[in-house]
Amino acid sequence: MSGKQIGYIRVSTIEQNTERQLNKIPLDETFTDKCSGKDTNRPALKELIKFVRKDDTVHVHDISRMARNTENLLTLVKELTDKGVKLIFHKESLTFTGEDNPMQQLMLTMLGGIYQFERSMMLERQREGIAIAKLKGKYKGKPVNIELNENICALAKLGTNKSQIAKQLNCSRTTVYKALSN
């Protein structure tokens, strides 16, 4: 019995286009996240992990789409292959089935480390740029979402707890606390 062909697509922002990833691969199901790969707390990734079954194949454009952290990457690969799922990273031409292959493990670990380093360098450059912009008085930060803040305050006045507000409005609890402190 052959399993399903499943795609996992991740882009870092809502504005980014997902079309270039896996567009030539026939897939039965696709799971798409539009958020950072800094951790594994992603809705579509969680759904994918629950959804897959033995003999399914998960297709990922490249390793950095799955994880930007070596530890998370290795854990995800193990979690999927332990379920009997085949995992293919197309850009790197790496396939994982759960069978021990020291060379593939080395490649996965090295490439995961490179992507983790790349993310660290990007964040460092971003911090440096923000610091320079602040010194020049040009950094304003992220603009306040007035409509979201008003909705948060309205729900809080109705007695809705902060966690429920965050869940209902699809924002973080930190955003809720900031809105209520203003």
N, C-alpha and C. Protein backbone atom coordinates (compact mmCIF):
# COMPACT_ATOMS: atom_id res chain seq x y z
N MET A 1 0.84 -1.19 0.00
CA MET A 1 0.00 0.00 0.00
C MET A 1 0.88 1.24 0.00
N SER A 2 0.62 2.16 -0.91
CA SER A 2 1.43 3.38 -0.95
C SER A 2 0.71 4.48 -0.19
N GLY A 3 1.50 5.32 0.46
CA GLY A 3 0.94 6.40 1.25
C GLY A 3 0.68 7.65 0.43
N LYS A 4 0.30 8.70 1.11
CA LYS A 4 0.01 9.98 0.47
C LYS A 4 1.29 10.78 0.24
N GLN A 5 1.23 11.63 -0.77
CA GLN A 5 2.30 12.58 -1.06
C GLN A 5 1.87 13.91 -0.43
N ILE A 6 2.64 14.35 0.55
CA ILE A 6 2.25 15.51 1.35
C ILE A 6 3.33 16.58 1.25
N GLY A 7 2.92 17.81 1.06
CA GLY A 7 3.87 18.92 0.99
C GLY A 7 3.82 19.76 2.24
N TYR A 8 5.00 20.21 2.68
CA TYR A 8 5.07 21.20 3.77
C TYR A 8 5.76 22.43 3.20
N ILE A 9 5.06 23.55 3.28
CA ILE A 9 5.56 24.82 2.75
C ILE A 9 5.58 25.83 3.89
N ARG A 10 6.68 26.59 3.98
CA ARG A 10 6.75 27.65 4.98
C ARG A 10 7.40 28.87 4.37
N VAL A 11 6.77 30.01 4.58
CA VAL A 11 7.37 31.30 4.26
C VAL A 11 7.37 32.10 5.55
N SER A 12 8.28 33.06 5.64
CA SER A 12 8.45 33.80 6.89
C SER A 12 7.40 34.87 7.13
N THR A 13 6.81 35.39 6.06
CA THR A 13 5.82 36.45 6.24
C THR A 13 4.60 36.18 5.36
N ILE A 14 3.50 36.80 5.70
CA ILE A 14 2.25 36.64 4.96
C ILE A 14 2.40 37.12 3.52
N GLU A 15 3.24 38.16 3.32
CA GLU A 15 3.40 38.74 1.99
C GLU A 15 4.18 37.83 1.04
N GLN A 16 5.00 36.92 1.57
CA GLN A 16 5.84 36.10 0.71
C GLN A 16 5.00 35.08 -0.07
N ASN A 17 5.47 34.78 -1.27
CA ASN A 17 4.76 33.88 -2.16
C ASN A 17 5.21 32.43 -1.92
N THR A 18 4.24 31.53 -1.82
CA THR A 18 4.54 30.12 -1.59
C THR A 18 4.66 29.33 -2.89
N GLU A 19 4.36 29.96 -4.02
CA GLU A 19 4.27 29.27 -5.30
C GLU A 19 5.56 28.58 -5.74
N ARG A 20 6.72 29.14 -5.42
CA ARG A 20 7.97 28.57 -5.91
C ARG A 20 8.34 27.26 -5.21
N GLN A 21 7.75 27.00 -4.06
CA GLN A 21 8.07 25.79 -3.31
C GLN A 21 7.15 24.65 -3.75
N LEU A 22 7.73 23.56 -4.17
CA LEU A 22 7.02 22.31 -4.48
C LEU A 22 5.99 22.43 -5.60
N ASN A 23 6.10 23.45 -6.45
CA ASN A 23 5.08 23.67 -7.47
C ASN A 23 5.06 22.60 -8.57
N LYS A 24 6.11 21.82 -8.72
CA LYS A 24 6.15 20.79 -9.78
C LYS A 24 5.96 19.38 -9.23
N ILE A 25 5.62 19.28 -7.97
CA ILE A 25 5.48 17.96 -7.34
C ILE A 25 3.99 17.68 -7.11
N PRO A 26 3.48 16.56 -7.66
CA PRO A 26 2.07 16.23 -7.43
C PRO A 26 1.84 15.83 -5.97
N LEU A 27 0.96 16.55 -5.30
CA LEU A 27 0.73 16.33 -3.87
C LEU A 27 -0.74 16.03 -3.60
N ASP A 28 -0.98 15.14 -2.64
CA ASP A 28 -2.34 14.84 -2.21
C ASP A 28 -2.83 15.87 -1.19
N GLU A 29 -1.91 16.34 -0.36
CA GLU A 29 -2.23 17.31 0.69
C GLU A 29 -1.07 18.30 0.80
N THR A 30 -1.38 19.52 1.20
CA THR A 30 -0.34 20.53 1.42
C THR A 30 -0.63 21.25 2.73
N PHE A 31 0.41 21.43 3.52
CA PHE A 31 0.32 22.17 4.77
C PHE A 31 1.23 23.39 4.64
N THR A 32 0.68 24.58 4.88
CA THR A 32 1.43 25.82 4.66
C THR A 32 1.43 26.68 5.91
N ASP A 33 2.62 27.09 6.33
CA ASP A 33 2.78 28.05 7.43
C ASP A 33 3.33 29.34 6.87
N LYS A 34 2.82 30.45 7.38
CA LYS A 34 3.34 31.77 7.00
C LYS A 34 3.84 32.44 8.27
N CYS A 35 4.97 31.92 8.77
CA CYS A 35 5.55 32.43 10.00
C CYS A 35 7.02 32.01 10.07
N SER A 36 7.70 32.49 11.07
CA SER A 36 9.12 32.21 11.24
C SER A 36 9.37 30.73 11.50
N GLY A 37 10.54 30.27 11.10
CA GLY A 37 10.94 28.89 11.36
C GLY A 37 11.81 28.78 12.59
N LYS A 38 11.79 29.81 13.45
CA LYS A 38 12.67 29.84 14.62
C LYS A 38 12.36 28.72 15.61
N ASP A 39 11.11 28.25 15.64
CA ASP A 39 10.76 27.14 16.51
C ASP A 39 9.72 26.26 15.81
N THR A 40 9.26 25.24 16.49
CA THR A 40 8.32 24.30 15.86
C THR A 40 6.87 24.59 16.24
N ASN A 41 6.63 25.70 16.88
CA ASN A 41 5.27 26.08 17.29
C ASN A 41 4.55 26.75 16.12
N ARG A 42 4.24 25.92 15.10
CA ARG A 42 3.59 26.41 13.88
C ARG A 42 2.35 25.58 13.62
N PRO A 43 1.22 26.24 13.38
CA PRO A 43 -0.04 25.50 13.24
C PRO A 43 -0.04 24.41 12.16
N ALA A 44 0.41 24.74 10.96
CA ALA A 44 0.37 23.75 9.87
C ALA A 44 1.35 22.61 10.13
N LEU A 45 2.50 22.92 10.72
CA LEU A 45 3.47 21.86 11.04
C LEU A 45 2.88 20.90 12.06
N LYS A 46 2.22 21.43 13.07
CA LYS A 46 1.58 20.57 14.08
C LYS A 46 0.50 19.69 13.43
N GLU A 47 -0.29 20.30 12.54
CA GLU A 47 -1.33 19.54 11.81
C GLU A 47 -0.71 18.43 10.98
N LEU A 48 0.38 18.75 10.28
CA LEU A 48 1.06 17.78 9.44
C LEU A 48 1.53 16.59 10.27
N ILE A 49 2.14 16.86 11.41
CA ILE A 49 2.65 15.79 12.27
C ILE A 49 1.52 14.88 12.73
N LYS A 50 0.37 15.46 13.05
CA LYS A 50 -0.80 14.64 13.45
C LYS A 50 -1.37 13.87 12.26
N PHE A 51 -1.32 14.47 11.08
CA PHE A 51 -1.96 13.92 9.89
C PHE A 51 -1.22 12.73 9.28
N VAL A 52 0.11 12.79 9.24
CA VAL A 52 0.88 11.78 8.51
C VAL A 52 0.74 10.39 9.11
N ARG A 53 0.83 9.40 8.22
CA ARG A 53 0.75 7.99 8.60
C ARG A 53 1.91 7.23 7.97
N LYS A 54 2.10 6.01 8.43
CA LYS A 54 3.13 5.14 7.87
C LYS A 54 2.98 5.07 6.35
N ASP A 55 4.09 5.10 5.66
CA ASP A 55 4.18 5.03 4.19
C ASP A 55 3.86 6.34 3.47
N ASP A 56 3.51 7.40 4.21
CA ASP A 56 3.34 8.71 3.58
C ASP A 56 4.72 9.28 3.26
N THR A 57 4.76 10.20 2.30
CA THR A 57 5.99 10.91 1.96
C THR A 57 5.75 12.40 2.14
N VAL A 58 6.61 13.04 2.92
CA VAL A 58 6.52 14.49 3.13
C VAL A 58 7.60 15.15 2.28
N HIS A 59 7.17 16.09 1.45
CA HIS A 59 8.08 16.83 0.57
C HIS A 59 8.27 18.24 1.14
N VAL A 60 9.54 18.66 1.24
CA VAL A 60 9.87 20.00 1.73
C VAL A 60 10.85 20.60 0.73
N HIS A 61 10.63 21.86 0.36
CA HIS A 61 11.50 22.52 -0.63
C HIS A 61 12.96 22.48 -0.19
N ASP A 62 13.24 22.97 1.01
CA ASP A 62 14.61 22.88 1.53
C ASP A 62 14.59 22.82 3.05
N ILE A 63 15.71 22.43 3.61
CA ILE A 63 15.82 22.20 5.05
C ILE A 63 15.40 23.43 5.86
N SER A 64 15.75 24.62 5.40
CA SER A 64 15.44 25.84 6.16
C SER A 64 13.93 26.08 6.26
N ARG A 65 13.15 25.48 5.38
CA ARG A 65 11.69 25.62 5.46
C ARG A 65 11.15 24.79 6.61
N MET A 66 11.83 23.69 6.95
CA MET A 66 11.39 22.82 8.04
C MET A 66 11.81 23.40 9.40
N ALA A 67 13.06 23.87 9.49
CA ALA A 67 13.55 24.41 10.77
C ALA A 67 14.78 25.27 10.54
N ARG A 68 14.95 26.26 11.40
CA ARG A 68 16.13 27.14 11.36
C ARG A 68 17.01 26.89 12.58
N ASN A 69 16.81 25.75 13.20
CA ASN A 69 17.52 25.39 14.42
C ASN A 69 17.86 23.91 14.31
N THR A 70 19.12 23.58 14.47
CA THR A 70 19.58 22.20 14.27
C THR A 70 18.85 21.21 15.17
N GLU A 71 18.70 21.56 16.43
CA GLU A 71 18.04 20.66 17.38
C GLU A 71 16.60 20.38 16.95
N ASN A 72 15.86 21.43 16.58
CA ASN A 72 14.48 21.24 16.12
C ASN A 72 14.42 20.42 14.84
N LEU A 73 15.35 20.68 13.94
CA LEU A 73 15.40 19.96 12.67
C LEU A 73 15.58 18.46 12.91
N LEU A 74 16.58 18.10 13.71
CA LEU A 74 16.86 16.69 13.98
C LEU A 74 15.67 16.02 14.68
N THR A 75 15.04 16.75 15.60
CA THR A 75 13.88 16.21 16.31
C THR A 75 12.71 15.97 15.36
N LEU A 76 12.44 16.93 14.48
CA LEU A 76 11.34 16.78 13.52
C LEU A 76 11.58 15.62 12.56
N VAL A 77 12.79 15.51 12.05
CA VAL A 77 13.11 14.41 11.12
C VAL A 77 12.92 13.08 11.83
N LYS A 78 13.40 12.97 13.06
CA LYS A 78 13.26 11.73 13.82
C LYS A 78 11.78 11.43 14.11
N GLU A 79 11.04 12.45 14.51
CA GLU A 79 9.61 12.26 14.82
C GLU A 79 8.84 11.75 13.60
N LEU A 80 9.12 12.31 12.45
CA LEU A 80 8.42 11.88 11.23
C LEU A 80 8.87 10.49 10.78
N THR A 81 10.17 10.25 10.76
CA THR A 81 10.65 8.94 10.29
C THR A 81 10.29 7.82 11.28
N ASP A 82 10.20 8.15 12.57
CA ASP A 82 9.77 7.15 13.56
C ASP A 82 8.33 6.70 13.31
N LYS A 83 7.54 7.54 12.65
CA LYS A 83 6.16 7.18 12.30
C LYS A 83 6.09 6.39 10.99
N GLY A 84 7.26 6.12 10.38
CA GLY A 84 7.28 5.39 9.12
C GLY A 84 7.08 6.29 7.91
N VAL A 85 7.31 7.59 8.11
CA VAL A 85 7.14 8.58 7.05
C VAL A 85 8.47 8.82 6.36
N LYS A 86 8.42 8.91 5.05
CA LYS A 86 9.60 9.25 4.24
C LYS A 86 9.63 10.78 4.12
N LEU A 87 10.79 11.38 4.31
CA LEU A 87 10.93 12.84 4.27
C LEU A 87 11.95 13.21 3.20
N ILE A 88 11.52 14.06 2.25
CA ILE A 88 12.41 14.46 1.15
C ILE A 88 12.62 15.97 1.19
N PHE A 89 13.90 16.37 1.24
CA PHE A 89 14.28 17.78 1.10
C PHE A 89 14.79 17.93 -0.33
N HIS A 90 14.03 18.59 -1.18
CA HIS A 90 14.32 18.62 -2.61
C HIS A 90 15.56 19.42 -2.99
N LYS A 91 15.72 20.59 -2.44
CA LYS A 91 16.86 21.44 -2.82
C LYS A 91 18.19 20.76 -2.50
N GLU A 92 18.25 20.08 -1.36
CA GLU A 92 19.48 19.42 -0.94
C GLU A 92 19.58 17.98 -1.45
N SER A 93 18.54 17.48 -2.09
CA SER A 93 18.48 16.10 -2.58
C SER A 93 18.75 15.09 -1.46
N LEU A 94 18.11 15.31 -0.32
CA LEU A 94 18.25 14.39 0.81
C LEU A 94 16.90 13.73 1.11
N THR A 95 16.95 12.41 1.33
CA THR A 95 15.76 11.64 1.67
C THR A 95 16.01 10.89 2.96
N PHE A 96 15.05 10.95 3.88
CA PHE A 96 15.18 10.27 5.16
C PHE A 96 14.02 9.30 5.33
N THR A 97 14.37 8.08 5.71
CA THR A 97 13.37 7.03 5.89
C THR A 97 13.41 6.42 7.28
N GLY A 98 14.35 6.84 8.09
CA GLY A 98 14.51 6.26 9.41
C GLY A 98 15.61 5.24 9.47
N GLU A 99 16.09 4.80 8.29
CA GLU A 99 17.22 3.88 8.26
C GLU A 99 18.48 4.69 8.53
N ASP A 100 19.36 4.15 9.34
CA ASP A 100 20.59 4.87 9.68
C ASP A 100 21.48 5.01 8.46
N ASN A 101 21.82 6.24 8.15
CA ASN A 101 22.76 6.55 7.09
C ASN A 101 23.65 7.66 7.63
N PRO A 102 24.84 7.30 8.12
CA PRO A 102 25.71 8.29 8.76
C PRO A 102 26.02 9.51 7.88
N MET A 103 26.19 9.31 6.58
CA MET A 103 26.51 10.44 5.70
C MET A 103 25.33 11.41 5.62
N GLN A 104 24.12 10.86 5.50
CA GLN A 104 22.94 11.74 5.45
C GLN A 104 22.75 12.48 6.78
N GLN A 105 22.98 11.79 7.89
CA GLN A 105 22.86 12.45 9.20
C GLN A 105 23.88 13.58 9.32
N LEU A 106 25.09 13.34 8.83
CA LEU A 106 26.12 14.38 8.85
C LEU A 106 25.68 15.57 8.01
N MET A 107 25.19 15.30 6.80
CA MET A 107 24.74 16.38 5.91
C MET A 107 23.59 17.17 6.55
N LEU A 108 22.63 16.46 7.13
CA LEU A 108 21.49 17.12 7.77
C LEU A 108 21.96 18.01 8.92
N THR A 109 22.84 17.49 9.74
CA THR A 109 23.35 18.25 10.89
C THR A 109 24.15 19.46 10.43
N MET A 110 25.01 19.28 9.43
CA MET A 110 25.82 20.39 8.93
C MET A 110 24.95 21.47 8.29
N LEU A 111 24.03 21.06 7.42
CA LEU A 111 23.17 22.04 6.75
C LEU A 111 22.25 22.74 7.76
N GLY A 112 21.76 21.98 8.72
CA GLY A 112 20.95 22.59 9.79
C GLY A 112 21.74 23.63 10.55
N GLY A 113 23.01 23.32 10.83
CA GLY A 113 23.89 24.27 11.51
C GLY A 113 24.14 25.51 10.68
N ILE A 114 24.29 25.33 9.38
CA ILE A 114 24.51 26.48 8.49
C ILE A 114 23.27 27.38 8.48
N TYR A 115 22.09 26.79 8.38
CA TYR A 115 20.86 27.59 8.39
C TYR A 115 20.67 28.29 9.73
N GLN A 116 21.04 27.62 10.82
CA GLN A 116 20.94 28.24 12.14
C GLN A 116 21.91 29.42 12.24
N PHE A 117 23.13 29.25 11.74
CA PHE A 117 24.13 30.32 11.73
C PHE A 117 23.63 31.49 10.87
N GLU A 118 23.06 31.17 9.71
CA GLU A 118 22.53 32.20 8.81
C GLU A 118 21.45 33.03 9.50
N ARG A 119 20.57 32.38 10.24
CA ARG A 119 19.52 33.09 10.98
C ARG A 119 20.13 33.97 12.06
N SER A 120 21.11 33.46 12.78
CA SER A 120 21.77 34.25 13.83
C SER A 120 22.43 35.50 13.25
N MET A 121 23.09 35.34 12.10
CA MET A 121 23.74 36.48 11.46
C MET A 121 22.71 37.51 10.99
N MET A 122 21.60 37.04 10.46
CA MET A 122 20.54 37.94 10.01
C MET A 122 19.99 38.75 11.18
N LEU A 123 19.75 38.08 12.31
CA LEU A 123 19.24 38.77 13.49
C LEU A 123 20.26 39.78 14.03
N GLU A 124 21.54 39.41 13.98
CA GLU A 124 22.58 40.33 14.43
C GLU A 124 22.62 41.58 13.55
N ARG A 125 22.57 41.39 12.23
CA ARG A 125 22.55 42.54 11.32
C ARG A 125 21.31 43.40 11.55
N GLN A 126 20.18 42.75 11.81
CA GLN A 126 18.94 43.48 12.08
C GLN A 126 19.09 44.33 13.34
N ARG A 127 19.64 43.74 14.41
CA ARG A 127 19.84 44.49 15.66
C ARG A 127 20.77 45.68 15.44
N GLU A 128 21.85 45.45 14.68
CA GLU A 128 22.79 46.54 14.39
C GLU A 128 22.10 47.66 13.62
N GLY A 129 21.30 47.30 12.63
CA GLY A 129 20.57 48.29 11.83
C GLY A 129 19.58 49.08 12.67
N ILE A 130 18.88 48.41 13.57
CA ILE A 130 17.93 49.09 14.45
C ILE A 130 18.66 50.04 15.38
N ALA A 131 19.79 49.61 15.93
CA ALA A 131 20.57 50.47 16.84
C ALA A 131 21.03 51.73 16.12
N ILE A 132 21.51 51.59 14.88
CA ILE A 132 21.95 52.75 14.10
C ILE A 132 20.77 53.67 13.80
N ALA A 133 19.64 53.08 13.40
CA ALA A 133 18.44 53.88 13.10
C ALA A 133 17.95 54.63 14.34
N LYS A 134 18.03 53.99 15.52
CA LYS A 134 17.62 54.65 16.77
C LYS A 134 18.53 55.84 17.06
N LEU A 135 19.85 55.65 16.86
CA LEU A 135 20.79 56.75 17.09
C LEU A 135 20.50 57.94 16.18
N LYS A 136 20.05 57.66 14.97
CA LYS A 136 19.74 58.73 14.01
C LYS A 136 18.31 59.25 14.17
N GLY A 137 17.56 58.66 15.11
CA GLY A 137 16.19 59.08 15.34
C GLY A 137 15.23 58.65 14.25
N LYS A 138 15.60 57.63 13.48
CA LYS A 138 14.77 57.19 12.36
C LYS A 138 13.98 55.92 12.65
N TYR A 139 14.24 55.27 13.77
CA TYR A 139 13.56 54.01 14.07
C TYR A 139 12.27 54.28 14.81
N LYS A 140 11.20 53.82 14.27
CA LYS A 140 9.88 54.03 14.89
C LYS A 140 9.30 52.74 15.47
N GLY A 141 9.83 51.60 15.08
CA GLY A 141 9.27 50.33 15.53
C GLY A 141 8.05 49.96 14.71
N LYS A 142 7.43 48.87 15.08
CA LYS A 142 6.25 48.39 14.36
C LYS A 142 5.07 49.31 14.67
N PRO A 143 4.30 49.71 13.65
CA PRO A 143 3.16 50.59 13.91
C PRO A 143 2.08 49.88 14.74
N VAL A 144 1.42 50.64 15.59
CA VAL A 144 0.38 50.09 16.45
C VAL A 144 -0.86 49.79 15.60
N ASN A 145 -1.43 48.62 15.82
CA ASN A 145 -2.67 48.23 15.14
C ASN A 145 -3.83 48.70 16.01
N ILE A 146 -4.34 49.88 15.70
CA ILE A 146 -5.37 50.52 16.53
C ILE A 146 -6.63 49.66 16.61
N GLU A 147 -7.05 49.10 15.48
CA GLU A 147 -8.27 48.27 15.46
C GLU A 147 -8.11 47.05 16.37
N LEU A 148 -6.95 46.40 16.30
CA LEU A 148 -6.69 45.24 17.15
C LEU A 148 -6.73 45.65 18.62
N ASN A 149 -6.08 46.77 18.96
CA ASN A 149 -6.07 47.24 20.35
C ASN A 149 -7.48 47.53 20.85
N GLU A 150 -8.30 48.13 20.00
CA GLU A 150 -9.69 48.42 20.38
C GLU A 150 -10.47 47.13 20.62
N ASN A 151 -10.25 46.13 19.77
CA ASN A 151 -10.93 44.83 19.94
C ASN A 151 -10.48 44.15 21.22
N ILE A 152 -9.19 44.24 21.52
CA ILE A 152 -8.66 43.65 22.76
C ILE A 152 -9.32 44.30 23.97
N CYS A 153 -9.37 45.62 23.98
CA CYS A 153 -9.97 46.35 25.10
C CYS A 153 -11.46 46.03 25.25
N ALA A 154 -12.16 45.92 24.13
CA ALA A 154 -13.59 45.61 24.16
C ALA A 154 -13.83 44.23 24.76
N LEU A 155 -13.04 43.25 24.34
CA LEU A 155 -13.19 41.89 24.88
C LEU A 155 -12.83 41.84 26.37
N ALA A 156 -11.81 42.59 26.76
CA ALA A 156 -11.40 42.62 28.17
C ALA A 156 -12.52 43.22 29.02
N LYS A 157 -13.18 44.26 28.51
CA LYS A 157 -14.29 44.89 29.25
C LYS A 157 -15.46 43.93 29.43
N LEU A 158 -15.59 42.98 28.48
CA LEU A 158 -16.66 41.97 28.58
C LEU A 158 -16.30 40.86 29.56
N GLY A 159 -15.06 40.90 30.08
CA GLY A 159 -14.62 39.91 31.05
C GLY A 159 -13.90 38.71 30.46
N THR A 160 -13.58 38.77 29.17
CA THR A 160 -12.85 37.67 28.53
C THR A 160 -11.43 37.64 29.06
N ASN A 161 -10.93 36.44 29.41
CA ASN A 161 -9.56 36.39 29.95
C ASN A 161 -8.54 36.60 28.84
N LYS A 162 -7.34 36.97 29.24
CA LYS A 162 -6.31 37.39 28.29
C LYS A 162 -5.92 36.29 27.30
N SER A 163 -5.83 35.06 27.76
CA SER A 163 -5.49 33.95 26.86
C SER A 163 -6.56 33.75 25.80
N GLN A 164 -7.82 33.85 26.21
CA GLN A 164 -8.93 33.71 25.27
C GLN A 164 -8.94 34.85 24.25
N ILE A 165 -8.64 36.06 24.72
CA ILE A 165 -8.57 37.21 23.82
C ILE A 165 -7.52 36.96 22.75
N ALA A 166 -6.34 36.52 23.19
CA ALA A 166 -5.23 36.26 22.25
C ALA A 166 -5.63 35.20 21.24
N LYS A 167 -6.26 34.13 21.71
CA LYS A 167 -6.68 33.05 20.82
C LYS A 167 -7.74 33.53 19.83
N GLN A 168 -8.72 34.25 20.35
CA GLN A 168 -9.84 34.72 19.53
C GLN A 168 -9.40 35.71 18.46
N LEU A 169 -8.44 36.58 18.80
CA LEU A 169 -7.98 37.61 17.86
C LEU A 169 -6.71 37.20 17.11
N ASN A 170 -6.26 35.96 17.35
CA ASN A 170 -5.08 35.44 16.66
C ASN A 170 -3.86 36.34 16.85
N CYS A 171 -3.59 36.67 18.11
CA CYS A 171 -2.41 37.47 18.43
C CYS A 171 -1.76 36.87 19.67
N SER A 172 -0.60 37.37 20.04
CA SER A 172 0.10 36.84 21.21
C SER A 172 -0.47 37.43 22.49
N ARG A 173 -0.23 36.76 23.61
CA ARG A 173 -0.66 37.30 24.90
C ARG A 173 0.11 38.59 25.21
N THR A 174 1.36 38.66 24.74
CA THR A 174 2.15 39.88 24.94
C THR A 174 1.44 41.07 24.29
N THR A 175 0.91 40.87 23.09
CA THR A 175 0.17 41.94 22.40
C THR A 175 -1.04 42.35 23.23
N VAL A 176 -1.74 41.38 23.80
CA VAL A 176 -2.91 41.67 24.64
C VAL A 176 -2.49 42.51 25.84
N TYR A 177 -1.43 42.08 26.54
CA TYR A 177 -0.96 42.82 27.72
C TYR A 177 -0.54 44.24 27.36
N LYS A 178 0.16 44.41 26.23
CA LYS A 178 0.59 45.75 25.80
C LYS A 178 -0.61 46.63 25.52
N ALA A 179 -1.61 46.09 24.83
CA ALA A 179 -2.80 46.87 24.49
C ALA A 179 -3.55 47.30 25.74
N LEU A 180 -3.62 46.42 26.73
CA LEU A 180 -4.35 46.72 27.95
C LEU A 180 -3.58 47.65 28.89
N SER A 181 -2.28 47.74 28.71
CA SER A 181 -1.47 48.62 29.57
C SER A 181 -1.48 50.06 29.07
N ASN A 182 -1.93 50.28 27.85
CA ASN A 182 -1.96 51.66 27.28
C ASN A 182 -3.21 52.40 27.67
